[in-house]
C-alpha atoms as a PDB file:
ATOM      1  CA  MET A   1      -0.292  -0.147   0.033  1.00  0.00           C
ATOM      2  CA  SER A   2       1.355   3.424  -0.849  1.00  0.00           C
ATOM      3  CA  ASP A   3       1.777   6.296   1.539  1.00  0.00           C
ATOM      4  CA  PHE A   4      -0.512   8.864   1.839  1.00  0.00           C
ATOM      5  CA  THR A   5      -2.089  11.800   3.647  1.00  0.00           C
ATOM      6  CA  ILE A   6      -5.858  13.107   4.544  1.00  0.00           C
ATOM      7  CA  THR A   7      -5.921  16.902   5.136  1.00  0.00           C
ATOM      8  CA  ARG A   8      -8.605  19.483   5.314  1.00  0.00           C
ATOM      9  CA  TRP A   9      -8.099  21.646   2.325  1.00  0.00           C
ATOM     10  CA  THR A  10      -8.500  25.400   3.188  1.00  0.00           C
ATOM     11  CA  GLY A  11      -7.140  26.803  -0.163  1.00  0.00           C
ATOM     12  CA  SER A  12      -8.368  28.293  -3.182  1.00  0.00           C
ATOM     13  CA  ASP A  13      -5.481  26.771  -5.047  1.00  0.00           C
ATOM     14  CA  ARG A  14      -6.300  23.385  -6.984  1.00  0.00           C
ATOM     15  CA  LEU A  15     -10.027  23.473  -6.731  1.00  0.00           C
ATOM     16  CA  ASP A  16     -10.308  22.889 -10.380  1.00  0.00           C
ATOM     17  CA  ASP A  17      -8.111  19.899  -9.695  1.00  0.00           C
ATOM     18  CA  ILE A  18     -10.222  18.232  -7.087  1.00  0.00           C
ATOM     19  CA  MET A  19     -13.404  18.666  -8.853  1.00  0.00           C
ATOM     20  CA  ALA A  20     -11.595  17.259 -12.269  1.00  0.00           C
ATOM     21  CA  MET A  21     -10.767  14.281  -9.699  1.00  0.00           C
ATOM     22  CA  VAL A  22     -14.148  14.360  -8.171  1.00  0.00           C
ATOM     23  CA  HIS A  23     -15.818  14.391 -11.710  1.00  0.00           C
ATOM     24  CA  ALA A  24     -13.789  11.638 -13.119  1.00  0.00           C
ATOM     25  CA  ALA A  25     -14.413   9.327 -10.363  1.00  0.00           C
ATOM     26  CA  PHE A  26     -18.290   9.567 -10.795  1.00  0.00           C
ATOM     27  CA  GLY A  27     -18.312   9.995 -14.299  1.00  0.00           C
ATOM     28  CA  ASN A  28     -19.172   6.609 -15.449  1.00  0.00           C
ATOM     29  CA  PHE A  29     -22.362   5.935 -12.811  1.00  0.00           C
ATOM     30  CA  THR A  30     -25.389   4.910 -14.327  1.00  0.00           C
ATOM     31  CA  PRO A  31     -27.641   6.894 -13.460  1.00  0.00           C
ATOM     32  CA  PRO A  32     -25.538   9.855 -13.525  1.00  0.00           C
ATOM     33  CA  SER A  33     -24.399  11.403 -10.250  1.00  0.00           C
ATOM     34  CA  GLY A  34     -25.628  14.857  -9.260  1.00  0.00           C
ATOM     35  CA  VAL A  35     -22.004  15.828  -8.640  1.00  0.00           C
ATOM     36  CA  LEU A  36     -21.146  15.859 -12.165  1.00  0.00           C
ATOM     37  CA  ALA A  37     -23.333  19.521 -12.448  1.00  0.00           C
ATOM     38  CA  GLU A  38     -21.059  20.882  -9.615  1.00  0.00           C
ATOM     39  CA  THR A  39     -18.528  23.384 -10.302  1.00  0.00           C
ATOM     40  CA  THR A  40     -15.391  24.771  -8.532  1.00  0.00           C
ATOM     41  CA  ALA A  41     -17.439  27.408  -7.223  1.00  0.00           C
ATOM     42  CA  ASP A  42     -19.695  25.055  -5.515  1.00  0.00           C
ATOM     43  CA  LEU A  43     -16.706  23.374  -3.969  1.00  0.00           C
ATOM     44  CA  ALA A  44     -15.499  26.963  -2.769  1.00  0.00           C
ATOM     45  CA  ARG A  45     -18.927  27.298  -0.946  1.00  0.00           C
ATOM     46  CA  ARG A  46     -18.477  24.045   0.703  1.00  0.00           C
ATOM     47  CA  GLN A  47     -15.297  25.084   1.830  1.00  0.00           C
ATOM     48  CA  ARG A  48     -16.346  28.154   3.273  1.00  0.00           C
ATOM     49  CA  ASP A  49     -19.858  26.698   4.667  1.00  0.00           C
ATOM     50  CA  GLY A  50     -18.395  22.925   5.516  1.00  0.00           C
ATOM     51  CA  LEU A  51     -15.922  20.804   5.327  1.00  0.00           C
ATOM     52  CA  VAL A  52     -13.496  19.791   2.342  1.00  0.00           C
ATOM     53  CA  LEU A  53     -11.301  16.736   3.204  1.00  0.00           C
ATOM     54  CA  VAL A  54      -8.375  15.302   0.351  1.00  0.00           C
ATOM     55  CA  ALA A  55      -6.325  12.177   0.189  1.00  0.00           C
ATOM     56  CA  MET A  56      -3.330  13.103  -1.497  1.00  0.00           C
ATOM     57  CA  GLU A  57      -0.254  10.567  -2.597  1.00  0.00           C
ATOM     58  CA  GLY A  58       2.541  12.814  -2.957  1.00  0.00           C
ATOM     59  CA  ASP A  59       1.037  16.276  -4.806  1.00  0.00           C
ATOM     60  CA  GLN A  60      -1.691  13.852  -6.306  1.00  0.00           C
ATOM     61  CA  PHE A  61      -5.370  14.011  -5.185  1.00  0.00           C
ATOM     62  CA  ILE A  62      -6.649  10.490  -4.647  1.00  0.00           C
ATOM     63  CA  GLY A  63      -9.792  11.055  -2.940  1.00  0.00           C
ATOM     64  CA  SER A  64     -12.154  13.472  -1.298  1.00  0.00           C
ATOM     65  CA  VAL A  65     -15.078  13.842   0.942  1.00  0.00           C
ATOM     66  CA  PHE A  66     -16.866  17.156   1.471  1.00  0.00           C
ATOM     67  CA  CYS A  67     -20.021  17.915   3.399  1.00  0.00           C
END
């Protein structure tokens, strides 16, 4: 198993990378997931009003949870 870290993401940098990872992860669901309609601005609001956690292997995003 690779080493990875889980951290709260509070910066505005790389939100587009996080959203691209999420869209790729849910892109083949049938029926389509509602997360595909979410944007970087939606993710920024989640950051402001809630919590965004990311799992990273080095500088690569490998997972996320936001609520």
